[in-house]
Protein backbone atom coordinates (compact mmCIF):
# COMPACT_ATOMS: atom_id res chain seq x y z
CA MET A 1 4.97 -228.89 -35.12
CA VAL A 2 3.60 -228.21 -38.58
CA ARG A 3 -0.14 -227.75 -38.87
CA VAL A 4 -2.37 -229.67 -41.26
CA PRO A 5 -2.91 -226.83 -43.82
CA ALA A 6 0.86 -226.48 -44.22
CA ARG A 7 1.24 -230.25 -44.61
CA ARG A 8 -1.49 -230.21 -47.26
CA GLU A 9 0.56 -227.69 -49.23
CA GLN A 10 3.62 -229.92 -48.86
CA VAL A 11 1.68 -232.87 -50.29
CA THR A 12 0.53 -230.71 -53.22
CA TYR A 13 4.12 -229.62 -53.83
CA ALA A 14 5.37 -233.21 -53.70
CA THR A 15 2.71 -234.46 -56.13
CA GLY A 16 3.61 -231.61 -58.47
CA ARG A 17 7.23 -232.83 -58.43
CA GLY A 18 6.19 -236.29 -59.65
CA LEU A 19 5.53 -238.20 -56.38
CA SER A 20 2.33 -240.19 -56.07
CA GLN A 21 -0.33 -238.76 -53.78
CA GLN A 22 -0.31 -241.80 -51.50
CA ARG A 23 3.51 -241.74 -51.15
CA ALA A 24 3.48 -237.96 -50.49
CA ARG A 25 0.81 -238.39 -47.83
CA MET A 26 2.82 -241.12 -46.12
CA LEU A 27 6.01 -239.02 -46.12
CA VAL A 28 4.32 -235.88 -44.77
CA LYS A 29 2.02 -237.90 -42.49
CA VAL A 30 -1.33 -236.56 -43.63
CA GLY A 31 -4.48 -238.67 -43.55
CA ARG A 32 -6.62 -239.18 -46.65
CA TYR A 33 -9.56 -237.34 -45.10
CA ALA A 34 -7.37 -234.46 -43.89
CA LEU A 35 -5.95 -234.01 -47.38
CA HIS A 36 -9.37 -233.19 -48.87
CA PHE A 37 -10.83 -231.42 -45.82
CA ARG A 38 -12.24 -227.93 -46.34
CA SER A 39 -13.12 -225.86 -43.30
CA LEU A 40 -16.66 -224.50 -43.06
CA LYS A 41 -15.75 -221.89 -40.43
CA ALA A 42 -15.40 -219.09 -42.98
CA ILE A 43 -18.77 -219.90 -44.54
CA LYS A 44 -20.52 -219.99 -41.15
CA ASP A 45 -18.84 -216.82 -39.93
CA VAL A 46 -19.64 -214.59 -42.93
CA LEU A 47 -23.16 -213.72 -41.74
CA VAL A 48 -22.14 -213.30 -38.11
CA VAL A 49 -19.17 -211.07 -38.99
CA GLY A 50 -21.47 -208.62 -40.75
CA TRP A 51 -23.82 -208.42 -37.76
CA ARG A 52 -20.90 -208.11 -35.36
CA MET A 53 -19.36 -205.24 -37.34
CA GLU A 54 -22.72 -203.46 -37.33
CA LEU A 55 -23.17 -203.86 -33.58
CA SER A 56 -19.60 -202.86 -32.72
CA ALA A 57 -19.98 -199.72 -34.86
CA GLN A 58 -23.27 -198.91 -33.14
CA TYR A 59 -21.92 -199.61 -29.63
CA PRO A 60 -18.15 -198.88 -29.65
CA CYS A 61 -17.85 -199.24 -25.87
CA TYR A 62 -19.10 -202.83 -25.83
CA GLY A 63 -16.71 -205.75 -26.02
CA TYR A 64 -17.10 -209.17 -27.59
CA ARG A 65 -19.01 -210.57 -24.61
CA ARG A 66 -21.87 -208.09 -24.81
CA VAL A 67 -21.95 -208.12 -28.62
CA ARG A 68 -22.23 -211.93 -28.36
CA MET A 69 -25.28 -211.49 -26.10
CA PHE A 70 -26.89 -209.16 -28.65
CA LEU A 71 -26.21 -211.64 -31.44
CA GLY A 72 -27.71 -214.42 -29.28
CA CYS A 73 -30.90 -212.38 -28.86
CA ASP A 74 -31.08 -212.00 -32.66
CA GLY A 75 -30.83 -215.77 -33.13
CA HIS A 76 -27.10 -216.08 -33.86
CA LYS A 77 -26.03 -218.25 -30.94
CA MET A 78 -22.30 -218.82 -30.56
CA SER A 79 -19.84 -219.92 -27.95
CA PRO A 80 -17.69 -217.37 -26.09
CA ASP A 81 -14.58 -218.82 -27.73
CA ARG A 82 -15.99 -218.32 -31.21
CA ALA A 83 -17.04 -214.77 -30.38
CA ARG A 84 -13.56 -214.00 -29.07
CA ARG A 85 -11.92 -215.58 -32.13
CA LEU A 86 -14.01 -213.44 -34.50
CA TRP A 87 -13.35 -210.35 -32.39
CA ARG A 88 -9.59 -210.92 -32.51
CA ALA A 89 -9.63 -211.75 -36.22
CA ALA A 90 -11.25 -208.36 -36.92
CA LYS A 91 -8.72 -206.68 -34.57
CA SER A 92 -11.56 -204.86 -32.82
CA GLN A 93 -10.87 -202.86 -29.70
CA VAL A 94 -13.05 -201.33 -27.04
CA LEU A 95 -12.69 -197.63 -26.39
CA ARG A 96 -10.82 -196.91 -23.17
CA LYS A 97 -12.61 -195.00 -20.46
CA ARG A 98 -11.11 -191.58 -19.92
CA PRO A 99 -10.75 -190.40 -16.33
CA ARG A 100 -13.36 -187.84 -15.36
CA LYS A 101 -12.05 -184.36 -14.75
CA GLY A 102 -13.22 -182.01 -12.07
CA VAL A 103 -14.67 -184.61 -9.73
CA ALA A 104 -14.00 -183.97 -6.06
CA GLY A 105 -11.29 -186.24 -4.73
CA SER A 106 -10.05 -187.33 -8.15
CA ARG A 107 -6.96 -185.10 -8.03
CA PRO A 108 -4.59 -184.97 -5.10
CA GLN A 109 -4.96 -181.81 -3.07
CA PRO A 110 -1.85 -179.68 -2.61
CA GLN A 111 -0.36 -180.10 0.84
CA ALA A 112 0.35 -176.69 2.29
CA ARG A 113 1.81 -178.17 5.47
CA ARG A 114 5.09 -179.58 4.27
CA GLY A 115 8.13 -179.71 6.45
CA PRO A 116 9.48 -181.41 9.54
CA ASN A 117 7.34 -181.84 12.66
CA ARG A 118 4.05 -181.06 10.87
CA VAL A 119 2.58 -184.51 10.18
CA TRP A 120 3.08 -187.55 12.39
CA VAL A 121 2.48 -191.13 11.48
CA PHE A 122 1.77 -193.81 14.05
CA ASP A 123 1.54 -197.56 13.74
CA PHE A 124 1.15 -200.60 15.96
CA VAL A 125 3.69 -203.40 15.67
CA PHE A 126 3.16 -206.73 17.40
CA ASP A 127 5.81 -209.12 18.65
CA GLY A 128 5.99 -212.01 21.07
CA CYS A 129 8.27 -212.88 23.96
CA ALA A 130 9.94 -216.23 24.53
CA ASN A 131 7.45 -216.98 27.32
CA GLY A 132 4.50 -216.48 24.93
CA HIS A 133 3.34 -213.00 26.01
CA LEU A 134 2.25 -210.62 23.27
CA LEU A 135 4.01 -207.26 23.02
CA LYS A 136 2.35 -204.28 21.38
CA CYS A 137 4.64 -201.49 20.15
CA LEU A 138 3.30 -198.04 19.28
CA THR A 139 5.70 -196.18 16.99
CA VAL A 140 5.35 -192.48 16.20
CA GLU A 141 7.41 -190.95 13.41
CA ASP A 142 7.62 -187.67 11.54
CA GLY A 143 5.93 -188.01 8.13
CA PHE A 144 8.36 -185.63 6.40
CA THR A 145 11.78 -186.59 7.79
CA LYS A 146 10.87 -190.23 8.60
CA GLU A 147 12.53 -189.72 11.99
CA GLY A 148 11.31 -191.89 14.84
CA LEU A 149 9.80 -189.61 17.49
CA ALA A 150 8.54 -192.08 20.06
CA ILE A 151 8.10 -195.77 20.76
CA LYS A 152 5.88 -197.23 23.45
CA VAL A 153 6.13 -200.95 24.23
CA ASP A 154 3.58 -202.62 26.49
CA GLY A 155 1.32 -205.63 26.71
CA ARG A 156 -1.68 -203.38 26.03
CA ILE A 157 -1.94 -199.76 24.93
CA ARG A 158 -5.27 -198.11 25.60
CA SER A 159 -6.58 -194.85 24.12
CA GLY A 160 -5.30 -192.70 27.00
CA ARG A 161 -1.73 -193.84 26.42
CA LEU A 162 -2.16 -193.34 22.68
CA ILE A 163 -3.22 -189.72 23.21
CA GLU A 164 -0.32 -189.23 25.61
CA ALA A 165 2.16 -190.69 23.11
CA MET A 166 0.86 -188.44 20.35
CA ALA A 167 1.08 -185.34 22.60
CA ARG A 168 4.66 -186.00 23.76
CA PRO A 169 6.52 -185.35 20.48
CA SER A 170 4.89 -181.92 20.12
CA THR A 171 6.17 -180.80 23.52
CA GLY A 172 9.77 -181.60 22.65
CA ARG A 173 10.30 -184.08 25.49
CA PRO A 174 12.58 -187.12 25.15
CA LEU A 175 11.85 -189.49 22.31
CA SER A 176 11.28 -192.65 24.40
CA LEU A 177 8.17 -192.69 26.55
CA PRO A 178 8.09 -194.03 30.11
CA ALA A 179 6.35 -197.34 30.68
């Protein structure tokens, strides 16, 4: 689809080659009003662009939304779409936030305890029987080797059984726990 400004140029080219303006408009399908239309966007935006450039230089961390609010307070009301269009036309960018350094918890701590049988991971998995009863499965695995250490399946697993299941792998007993 060719836009109206490009079709206007085509009409101008055709009239320069000897075609009448009316015939050129009919061939290119441009209305009489559209042929002589001049956009006022550039004229309206000149004043606002200057203010916007000033504000974005003064506040480099603010984006087009906040700069639009500042312009609105100064009496230059505009829609969010217009503010975004002007911001993109100027190819303005907001400065990226750099991650803070030296803040506690921002960097991963080195794990001194690496190796098999040092860290265990447990999880509850739920399943259902054909008769509608809910089964709860407690699985315990080694965090380093990803080896399954224990599995406890029951209708309910209370805290005492959880402590027992977590103590079993450290004693070296069989991997499956009694019911």
